[in-house]
Amino acid sequence: MCVNYGGRAELADAARAVAARVATREIRAENVTEKTLARELYLPDVPDVDLLIRTSGEQRISNFLPWQAAYAELVFAPEPWPEYNRETLWRDLLVFQSRQRRFGAAVNRPASRIFQ
């Protein structure tokens, strides 16, 4: 659970921290990588999200962990948070377990078959 957290604010803070390191010549701008930015996030040692469960039937991430959830599997549960329980968690974990994770890789199919 995150309280008073905003993913965009976290990314802006990380960008400011990297910019400050460039300004003080600690690092060179051309050497800034994704890893450089990731090290400036609020919790840099916490691994990326594997599964993000959104309750209440909402189908959006609402500015929640945009960097860390880039390759997360999303499950949208219809139950409101107060009704979410052990059984619904188990159901959603089984959904997650049944998925083939591609971590952003495209499905190897012609586009014509995708849009049929």
N, C-alpha and C. Protein backbone atom coordinates (compact mmCIF):
# COMPACT_ATOMS: atom_id res chain seq x y z
N MET A 1 0.85 -1.17 0.00
CA MET A 1 0.00 0.00 0.00
C MET A 1 0.90 1.24 0.00
N CYS A 2 0.56 2.19 -0.82
CA CYS A 2 1.33 3.44 -0.90
C CYS A 2 0.43 4.60 -0.53
N VAL A 3 0.93 5.46 0.33
CA VAL A 3 0.18 6.63 0.77
C VAL A 3 0.88 7.88 0.28
N ASN A 4 0.11 8.78 -0.32
CA ASN A 4 0.64 10.04 -0.82
C ASN A 4 1.81 9.81 -1.79
N TYR A 5 1.64 8.85 -2.68
CA TYR A 5 2.67 8.51 -3.66
C TYR A 5 2.18 8.91 -5.04
N GLY A 6 3.07 9.47 -5.83
CA GLY A 6 2.76 9.77 -7.22
C GLY A 6 3.92 9.36 -8.09
N GLY A 7 3.66 8.50 -9.04
CA GLY A 7 4.72 7.99 -9.91
C GLY A 7 5.39 9.07 -10.74
N ARG A 8 4.61 10.02 -11.23
CA ARG A 8 5.21 11.10 -12.02
C ARG A 8 6.14 11.94 -11.15
N ALA A 9 5.73 12.20 -9.92
CA ALA A 9 6.59 12.96 -9.00
C ALA A 9 7.89 12.21 -8.74
N GLU A 10 7.80 10.89 -8.58
CA GLU A 10 9.00 10.09 -8.36
C GLU A 10 9.95 10.20 -9.56
N LEU A 11 9.40 10.12 -10.77
CA LEU A 11 10.24 10.23 -11.97
C LEU A 11 10.85 11.63 -12.09
N ALA A 12 10.08 12.66 -11.76
CA ALA A 12 10.60 14.03 -11.80
C ALA A 12 11.72 14.21 -10.77
N ASP A 13 11.53 13.67 -9.58
CA ASP A 13 12.57 13.75 -8.55
C ASP A 13 13.83 13.03 -9.00
N ALA A 14 13.67 11.86 -9.61
CA ALA A 14 14.83 11.10 -10.10
C ALA A 14 15.55 11.87 -11.20
N ALA A 15 14.78 12.48 -12.10
CA ALA A 15 15.39 13.26 -13.19
C ALA A 15 16.16 14.46 -12.63
N ARG A 16 15.58 15.13 -11.63
CA ARG A 16 16.28 16.25 -11.00
C ARG A 16 17.58 15.79 -10.34
N ALA A 17 17.56 14.63 -9.70
CA ALA A 17 18.76 14.11 -9.05
C ALA A 17 19.85 13.80 -10.08
N VAL A 18 19.44 13.21 -11.21
CA VAL A 18 20.42 12.92 -12.27
C VAL A 18 20.95 14.23 -12.85
N ALA A 19 20.06 15.20 -13.08
CA ALA A 19 20.49 16.49 -13.61
C ALA A 19 21.49 17.17 -12.68
N ALA A 20 21.26 17.06 -11.39
CA ALA A 20 22.20 17.64 -10.41
C ALA A 20 23.56 16.95 -10.49
N ARG A 21 23.56 15.65 -10.68
CA ARG A 21 24.82 14.92 -10.80
C ARG A 21 25.56 15.31 -12.07
N VAL A 22 24.80 15.59 -13.13
CA VAL A 22 25.43 16.06 -14.38
C VAL A 22 25.98 17.47 -14.17
N ALA A 23 25.20 18.32 -13.51
CA ALA A 23 25.62 19.71 -13.30
C ALA A 23 26.90 19.80 -12.47
N THR A 24 27.07 18.89 -11.53
CA THR A 24 28.28 18.90 -10.70
C THR A 24 29.40 18.07 -11.33
N ARG A 25 29.14 17.60 -12.54
CA ARG A 25 30.12 16.81 -13.31
C ARG A 25 30.49 15.48 -12.65
N GLU A 26 29.61 15.01 -11.79
CA GLU A 26 29.79 13.68 -11.22
C GLU A 26 29.65 12.62 -12.31
N ILE A 27 28.71 12.89 -13.24
CA ILE A 27 28.54 12.03 -14.41
C ILE A 27 28.39 12.91 -15.64
N ARG A 28 28.66 12.32 -16.79
CA ARG A 28 28.49 13.05 -18.05
C ARG A 28 27.12 12.73 -18.62
N ALA A 29 26.49 13.71 -19.23
CA ALA A 29 25.14 13.54 -19.77
C ALA A 29 25.07 12.37 -20.74
N GLU A 30 26.08 12.19 -21.56
CA GLU A 30 26.04 11.10 -22.54
C GLU A 30 26.17 9.72 -21.89
N ASN A 31 26.53 9.69 -20.62
CA ASN A 31 26.64 8.41 -19.91
C ASN A 31 25.39 8.07 -19.09
N VAL A 32 24.39 8.93 -19.14
CA VAL A 32 23.15 8.67 -18.40
C VAL A 32 22.39 7.55 -19.11
N THR A 33 22.03 6.54 -18.34
CA THR A 33 21.30 5.38 -18.87
C THR A 33 20.03 5.16 -18.04
N GLU A 34 19.27 4.16 -18.42
CA GLU A 34 18.10 3.78 -17.62
C GLU A 34 18.54 3.41 -16.20
N LYS A 35 19.66 2.73 -16.08
CA LYS A 35 20.15 2.33 -14.75
C LYS A 35 20.49 3.56 -13.90
N THR A 36 21.02 4.60 -14.54
CA THR A 36 21.33 5.82 -13.80
C THR A 36 20.07 6.40 -13.18
N LEU A 37 19.01 6.48 -13.98
CA LEU A 37 17.75 7.02 -13.49
C LEU A 37 17.14 6.09 -12.44
N ALA A 38 17.19 4.79 -12.69
CA ALA A 38 16.61 3.82 -11.75
C ALA A 38 17.26 3.91 -10.37
N ARG A 39 18.54 4.23 -10.33
CA ARG A 39 19.24 4.35 -9.04
C ARG A 39 18.75 5.55 -8.23
N GLU A 40 18.07 6.47 -8.88
CA GLU A 40 17.58 7.67 -8.19
C GLU A 40 16.10 7.56 -7.78
N LEU A 41 15.46 6.44 -8.06
CA LEU A 41 14.07 6.26 -7.65
C LEU A 41 13.99 6.15 -6.13
N TYR A 42 12.79 6.29 -5.58
CA TYR A 42 12.63 6.30 -4.13
C TYR A 42 13.13 5.02 -3.47
N LEU A 43 12.90 3.88 -4.10
CA LEU A 43 13.33 2.59 -3.54
C LEU A 43 14.14 1.84 -4.60
N PRO A 44 15.37 2.26 -4.85
CA PRO A 44 16.13 1.70 -5.97
C PRO A 44 16.49 0.23 -5.81
N ASP A 45 16.49 -0.29 -4.60
CA ASP A 45 16.88 -1.68 -4.40
C ASP A 45 15.71 -2.66 -4.44
N VAL A 46 14.50 -2.14 -4.57
CA VAL A 46 13.32 -3.00 -4.64
C VAL A 46 13.16 -3.45 -6.09
N PRO A 47 12.98 -4.76 -6.33
CA PRO A 47 12.84 -5.24 -7.71
C PRO A 47 11.58 -4.70 -8.39
N ASP A 48 11.58 -4.74 -9.71
CA ASP A 48 10.42 -4.31 -10.47
C ASP A 48 9.20 -5.17 -10.13
N VAL A 49 8.04 -4.62 -10.40
CA VAL A 49 6.78 -5.28 -10.11
C VAL A 49 6.54 -6.40 -11.11
N ASP A 50 6.15 -7.58 -10.63
CA ASP A 50 5.77 -8.69 -11.50
C ASP A 50 4.27 -8.67 -11.78
N LEU A 51 3.48 -8.39 -10.76
CA LEU A 51 2.03 -8.43 -10.87
C LEU A 51 1.45 -7.21 -10.18
N LEU A 52 0.59 -6.49 -10.90
CA LEU A 52 -0.11 -5.36 -10.32
C LEU A 52 -1.60 -5.68 -10.37
N ILE A 53 -2.22 -5.75 -9.21
CA ILE A 53 -3.65 -6.04 -9.12
C ILE A 53 -4.37 -4.74 -8.81
N ARG A 54 -5.28 -4.37 -9.67
CA ARG A 54 -6.09 -3.16 -9.47
C ARG A 54 -7.49 -3.60 -9.10
N THR A 55 -7.96 -3.17 -7.94
CA THR A 55 -9.29 -3.56 -7.48
C THR A 55 -10.34 -2.54 -7.93
N SER A 56 -11.58 -2.84 -7.63
CA SER A 56 -12.75 -1.98 -7.88
C SER A 56 -13.16 -1.90 -9.33
N GLY A 57 -12.63 -2.80 -10.17
CA GLY A 57 -13.03 -2.82 -11.57
C GLY A 57 -12.42 -1.73 -12.41
N GLU A 58 -11.61 -0.88 -11.81
CA GLU A 58 -10.95 0.20 -12.56
C GLU A 58 -9.87 -0.41 -13.45
N GLN A 59 -9.79 0.06 -14.69
CA GLN A 59 -8.79 -0.46 -15.62
C GLN A 59 -7.79 0.64 -15.97
N ARG A 60 -7.06 1.04 -14.95
CA ARG A 60 -6.01 2.05 -15.10
C ARG A 60 -5.03 1.86 -13.95
N ILE A 61 -3.81 2.38 -14.11
CA ILE A 61 -2.84 2.24 -13.03
C ILE A 61 -2.75 3.49 -12.16
N SER A 62 -3.38 4.56 -12.55
CA SER A 62 -3.51 5.76 -11.72
C SER A 62 -2.18 6.28 -11.19
N ASN A 63 -1.20 6.42 -12.07
CA ASN A 63 0.07 7.03 -11.69
C ASN A 63 0.82 6.20 -10.65
N PHE A 64 0.58 4.90 -10.63
CA PHE A 64 1.18 4.02 -9.63
C PHE A 64 2.35 3.25 -10.22
N LEU A 65 3.54 3.54 -9.75
CA LEU A 65 4.77 2.85 -10.14
C LEU A 65 4.96 2.75 -11.66
N PRO A 66 4.90 3.86 -12.39
CA PRO A 66 5.01 3.76 -13.85
C PRO A 66 6.34 3.17 -14.32
N TRP A 67 7.42 3.45 -13.62
CA TRP A 67 8.72 2.90 -14.02
C TRP A 67 8.82 1.43 -13.64
N GLN A 68 8.48 1.12 -12.40
CA GLN A 68 8.66 -0.22 -11.86
C GLN A 68 7.68 -1.23 -12.42
N ALA A 69 6.55 -0.77 -12.93
CA ALA A 69 5.53 -1.68 -13.44
C ALA A 69 5.52 -1.73 -14.97
N ALA A 70 6.58 -1.28 -15.60
CA ALA A 70 6.62 -1.22 -17.07
C ALA A 70 6.33 -2.58 -17.71
N TYR A 71 6.81 -3.65 -17.12
CA TYR A 71 6.60 -4.99 -17.68
C TYR A 71 5.77 -5.87 -16.76
N ALA A 72 5.06 -5.26 -15.84
CA ALA A 72 4.21 -6.01 -14.92
C ALA A 72 3.01 -6.59 -15.67
N GLU A 73 2.53 -7.70 -15.17
CA GLU A 73 1.26 -8.23 -15.63
C GLU A 73 0.18 -7.53 -14.82
N LEU A 74 -0.88 -7.10 -15.49
CA LEU A 74 -1.96 -6.37 -14.84
C LEU A 74 -3.18 -7.27 -14.72
N VAL A 75 -3.77 -7.27 -13.54
CA VAL A 75 -5.03 -7.97 -13.31
C VAL A 75 -6.00 -6.94 -12.73
N PHE A 76 -7.17 -6.85 -13.34
CA PHE A 76 -8.18 -5.90 -12.89
C PHE A 76 -9.29 -6.68 -12.20
N ALA A 77 -9.32 -6.58 -10.88
CA ALA A 77 -10.28 -7.32 -10.08
C ALA A 77 -11.54 -6.48 -9.89
N PRO A 78 -12.72 -7.09 -10.05
CA PRO A 78 -13.96 -6.32 -9.93
C PRO A 78 -14.29 -5.92 -8.49
N GLU A 79 -13.75 -6.63 -7.51
CA GLU A 79 -14.10 -6.37 -6.12
C GLU A 79 -13.49 -5.06 -5.63
N PRO A 80 -14.23 -4.29 -4.83
CA PRO A 80 -13.63 -3.13 -4.18
C PRO A 80 -12.60 -3.61 -3.14
N TRP A 81 -11.63 -2.76 -2.83
CA TRP A 81 -10.55 -3.15 -1.93
C TRP A 81 -11.05 -3.77 -0.61
N PRO A 82 -12.07 -3.20 0.05
CA PRO A 82 -12.49 -3.81 1.33
C PRO A 82 -13.01 -5.24 1.18
N GLU A 83 -13.47 -5.61 -0.02
CA GLU A 83 -13.99 -6.96 -0.24
C GLU A 83 -12.94 -7.91 -0.82
N TYR A 84 -11.79 -7.40 -1.13
CA TYR A 84 -10.73 -8.24 -1.70
C TYR A 84 -10.17 -9.10 -0.57
N ASN A 85 -10.14 -10.42 -0.79
CA ASN A 85 -9.76 -11.33 0.29
C ASN A 85 -8.82 -12.42 -0.20
N ARG A 86 -8.57 -13.38 0.64
CA ARG A 86 -7.64 -14.46 0.32
C ARG A 86 -8.07 -15.23 -0.94
N GLU A 87 -9.36 -15.48 -1.08
CA GLU A 87 -9.84 -16.24 -2.24
C GLU A 87 -9.67 -15.45 -3.54
N THR A 88 -9.97 -14.16 -3.50
CA THR A 88 -9.82 -13.36 -4.72
C THR A 88 -8.34 -13.17 -5.05
N LEU A 89 -7.51 -13.06 -4.03
CA LEU A 89 -6.06 -12.99 -4.29
C LEU A 89 -5.59 -14.29 -4.94
N TRP A 90 -6.02 -15.42 -4.43
CA TRP A 90 -5.64 -16.72 -5.00
C TRP A 90 -6.08 -16.81 -6.47
N ARG A 91 -7.32 -16.38 -6.74
CA ARG A 91 -7.83 -16.38 -8.12
C ARG A 91 -6.92 -15.56 -9.02
N ASP A 92 -6.55 -14.37 -8.57
CA ASP A 92 -5.73 -13.49 -9.39
C ASP A 92 -4.30 -14.00 -9.54
N LEU A 93 -3.79 -14.67 -8.53
CA LEU A 93 -2.47 -15.29 -8.65
C LEU A 93 -2.49 -16.43 -9.67
N LEU A 94 -3.59 -17.17 -9.73
CA LEU A 94 -3.71 -18.23 -10.74
C LEU A 94 -3.78 -17.64 -12.15
N VAL A 95 -4.46 -16.52 -12.30
CA VAL A 95 -4.49 -15.83 -13.59
C VAL A 95 -3.07 -15.43 -13.99
N PHE A 96 -2.35 -14.84 -13.06
CA PHE A 96 -0.97 -14.43 -13.31
C PHE A 96 -0.10 -15.64 -13.67
N GLN A 97 -0.25 -16.71 -12.94
CA GLN A 97 0.55 -17.92 -13.18
C GLN A 97 0.29 -18.50 -14.56
N SER A 98 -0.90 -18.33 -15.09
CA SER A 98 -1.25 -18.92 -16.39
C SER A 98 -0.73 -18.10 -17.58
N ARG A 99 -0.25 -16.90 -17.32
CA ARG A 99 0.20 -16.04 -18.41
C ARG A 99 1.62 -16.36 -18.86
N GLN A 100 1.86 -16.13 -20.14
CA GLN A 100 3.21 -16.25 -20.68
C GLN A 100 3.80 -14.84 -20.70
N ARG A 101 4.77 -14.60 -19.85
CA ARG A 101 5.35 -13.26 -19.75
C ARG A 101 6.36 -13.05 -20.86
N ARG A 102 6.27 -11.87 -21.50
CA ARG A 102 7.17 -11.54 -22.61
C ARG A 102 8.04 -10.32 -22.31
N PHE A 103 7.80 -9.64 -21.22
CA PHE A 103 8.61 -8.49 -20.81
C PHE A 103 8.79 -7.47 -21.93
N GLY A 104 7.70 -7.16 -22.61
CA GLY A 104 7.72 -6.14 -23.65
C GLY A 104 8.02 -6.65 -25.04
N ALA A 105 8.39 -7.91 -25.17
CA ALA A 105 8.68 -8.46 -26.50
C ALA A 105 7.38 -8.62 -27.28
N ALA A 106 7.47 -8.40 -28.56
CA ALA A 106 6.30 -8.54 -29.42
C ALA A 106 5.98 -10.01 -29.63
N VAL A 107 4.71 -10.27 -29.83
CA VAL A 107 4.29 -11.62 -30.18
C VAL A 107 4.74 -11.87 -31.61
N ASN A 108 5.28 -13.02 -31.88
CA ASN A 108 5.80 -13.33 -33.20
C ASN A 108 4.66 -13.79 -34.12
N ARG A 109 3.83 -12.82 -34.55
CA ARG A 109 2.73 -13.09 -35.48
C ARG A 109 2.63 -11.93 -36.45
N PRO A 110 2.22 -12.21 -37.66
CA PRO A 110 2.00 -11.11 -38.60
C PRO A 110 0.89 -10.19 -38.10
N ALA A 111 1.04 -8.90 -38.34
CA ALA A 111 0.06 -7.92 -37.89
C ALA A 111 -1.33 -8.22 -38.44
N SER A 112 -1.41 -8.76 -39.64
CA SER A 112 -2.71 -9.04 -40.24
C SER A 112 -3.49 -10.05 -39.40
N ARG A 113 -2.81 -10.97 -38.72
CA ARG A 113 -3.50 -11.95 -37.88
C ARG A 113 -3.88 -11.35 -36.53
N ILE A 114 -3.14 -10.37 -36.07
CA ILE A 114 -3.42 -9.76 -34.77
C ILE A 114 -4.74 -9.00 -34.82
N PHE A 115 -5.02 -8.32 -35.93
CA PHE A 115 -6.18 -7.45 -36.02
C PHE A 115 -7.39 -8.11 -36.68
N GLN A 116 -7.44 -9.40 -36.71
CA GLN A 116 -8.60 -10.08 -37.29
C GLN A 116 -9.73 -10.15 -36.31
